[in-house]
Protein backbone atom coordinates (compact mmCIF):
# COMPACT_ATOMS: atom_id res chain seq x y z
CA GLY A 1 27.67 -3.42 -84.32
CA LEU A 2 28.24 -3.20 -88.31
CA ALA A 3 31.83 -3.59 -87.72
CA ASP A 4 33.04 0.14 -89.65
CA GLU A 5 30.60 1.85 -87.41
CA GLU A 6 31.79 4.67 -85.52
CA SER A 7 30.50 4.21 -81.83
CA GLU A 8 31.50 8.01 -81.01
CA GLU A 9 29.05 8.77 -80.79
CA GLU A 10 28.13 10.03 -77.37
CA ASN A 11 24.89 12.09 -75.25
CA ARG A 12 25.18 14.33 -72.65
CA THR A 13 22.18 15.43 -70.24
CA THR A 14 22.48 17.38 -67.33
CA LEU A 15 20.72 16.29 -64.58
CA ALA A 16 18.44 18.99 -63.26
CA ASP A 17 16.90 19.00 -59.82
CA LEU A 18 17.71 15.78 -58.03
CA PRO A 19 15.53 14.69 -54.78
CA ALA A 20 17.51 15.90 -51.02
CA LEU A 21 19.26 13.14 -48.98
CA ASP A 22 17.70 11.02 -46.36
CA GLU A 23 17.46 10.77 -43.13
CA GLU A 24 20.18 7.75 -44.05
CA GLY A 25 22.60 9.60 -46.49
CA LYS A 26 20.66 7.62 -49.18
CA VAL A 27 18.14 8.79 -52.55
CA SER A 28 17.31 7.44 -55.87
CA PHE A 29 15.88 8.74 -59.02
CA ASN A 30 15.29 8.09 -62.07
CA VAL A 31 17.25 9.09 -65.08
CA ASP A 32 15.01 9.07 -68.34
CA LEU A 33 17.50 8.69 -72.07
CA THR A 34 16.02 10.73 -74.34
CA ASP A 35 17.89 11.10 -78.63
CA LEU A 36 19.22 7.79 -78.13
CA PRO A 37 21.80 6.85 -81.24
CA SER A 38 20.78 5.32 -84.41
CA THR A 39 22.76 1.71 -84.36
CA THR A 40 23.59 -1.26 -84.05
CA GLN A 41 25.61 -1.49 -81.20
CA LEU A 42 24.57 -1.93 -78.01
CA LEU A 43 24.88 0.79 -75.48
CA SER A 44 25.59 2.05 -72.77
CA ALA A 45 24.70 4.62 -70.16
CA ASN A 46 27.93 6.44 -67.85
CA ILE A 47 25.55 8.67 -65.32
CA THR A 48 27.90 10.21 -62.48
CA VAL A 49 27.47 12.36 -59.83
CA ARG A 50 29.35 15.68 -58.27
CA MET A 51 27.77 16.61 -54.96
CA ARG A 52 29.66 18.26 -52.13
CA GLU A 53 30.07 16.61 -48.63
CA ALA A 54 28.84 19.36 -46.04
CA GLY A 55 31.88 20.20 -44.93
CA GLY A 56 32.75 21.39 -48.47
CA ARG A 57 35.11 18.06 -49.87
CA ALA A 58 33.66 17.24 -53.71
CA VAL A 59 33.09 13.75 -54.18
CA GLU A 60 32.53 11.96 -57.12
CA ARG A 61 31.07 8.45 -58.22
CA SER A 62 30.28 7.40 -61.18
CA LEU A 63 28.29 3.88 -62.84
CA THR A 64 27.41 2.35 -65.79
CA LEU A 65 24.51 1.18 -66.80
CA PRO A 66 23.94 -1.37 -70.14
CA VAL A 67 20.54 0.86 -71.93
CA LYS A 68 17.68 -1.92 -73.00
CA ALA A 69 16.73 -1.97 -76.04
CA GLN A 70 13.73 -0.94 -77.51
CA ALA A 71 12.71 -3.86 -79.32
CA SER A 72 14.59 -7.86 -80.34
CA MET A 73 17.85 -7.56 -82.08
CA ILE A 74 19.59 -10.32 -84.63
CA GLY A 75 23.55 -10.80 -83.85
CA ILE A 76 25.98 -11.66 -86.43
CA LYS A 77 29.74 -12.69 -85.95
CA PRO A 78 32.26 -14.51 -87.85
CA GLN A 79 33.43 -16.83 -87.56
CA PHE A 80 36.92 -15.31 -89.79
CA SER A 81 39.36 -12.29 -88.59
CA GLY A 82 39.74 -10.28 -91.94
CA ASP A 83 38.59 -10.18 -95.60
CA LEU A 84 37.90 -14.31 -97.07
CA ALA A 85 39.92 -15.37 -100.12
CA GLN A 86 37.98 -15.45 -103.41
CA ASN A 87 35.12 -18.26 -103.65
CA SER A 88 36.34 -19.11 -100.37
CA VAL A 89 33.00 -19.69 -97.83
CA GLY A 90 32.38 -18.13 -95.08
CA ARG A 91 30.57 -18.47 -91.73
CA PHE A 92 28.51 -16.70 -89.58
CA HIS A 93 26.95 -17.68 -85.09
CA ILE A 94 23.67 -15.82 -85.55
CA VAL A 95 21.09 -15.76 -82.84
CA GLY A 96 17.61 -14.03 -81.44
CA VAL A 97 17.86 -12.35 -79.06
CA SER A 98 14.10 -10.91 -76.62
CA ALA A 99 14.34 -6.32 -75.78
CA ASP A 100 15.53 -8.14 -72.12
CA GLY A 101 18.65 -9.72 -73.51
CA THR A 102 17.13 -13.53 -74.06
CA LYS A 103 17.78 -16.06 -76.68
CA GLN A 104 14.48 -15.99 -79.39
CA ALA A 105 13.06 -18.33 -81.32
CA MET A 106 12.73 -15.71 -85.00
CA SER A 107 10.42 -17.11 -87.51
CA GLY A 108 10.45 -14.78 -91.17
CA LEU A 109 13.27 -12.74 -91.93
CA ASN A 110 15.06 -12.51 -95.05
CA TRP A 111 18.58 -11.71 -95.34
CA LYS A 112 20.68 -10.75 -98.38
CA LEU A 113 23.61 -10.69 -98.98
CA ILE A 114 25.41 -7.25 -100.43
CA LYS A 115 28.53 -6.45 -101.18
CA VAL A 116 30.31 -3.02 -100.46
CA GLU A 117 32.65 -1.88 -102.68
CA ARG A 118 34.59 1.08 -101.42
CA ASN A 119 36.95 3.83 -104.32
CA TYR A 120 39.43 6.43 -102.31
CA GLN A 121 39.91 8.97 -105.00
CA TRP A 122 42.94 10.80 -103.03
CA TYR A 123 44.35 13.64 -103.85
CA ARG A 124 46.19 16.77 -102.94
CA GLN A 125 45.89 20.56 -103.56
CA GLY A 126 48.16 22.74 -102.47
């Protein structure tokens, strides 16, 4: 994702009306992910199921799964750390990736180098 992109956005969805366990004590169900955040980062889903055993003891199990991308993506990784010195050369690894995560050739892509300047004005009240 972008170097300064916030990644703390969290969506919670309650899994309601889950099916009952079968005779072997197992069940499977689908989890529909809606309202995904707009981000350049890869997403993962943390799925937690809480149940009570027949004796009343609470049981919790969690599973983290990657969220499949909805479209092809472009990965950009700098070959340097921190800031570049003036008039130096910045090198990057670029990779095209299909929605299923495999490398993919991409043609006709346009790119633009943009300089981002941040000027903060600090002031104190009181």
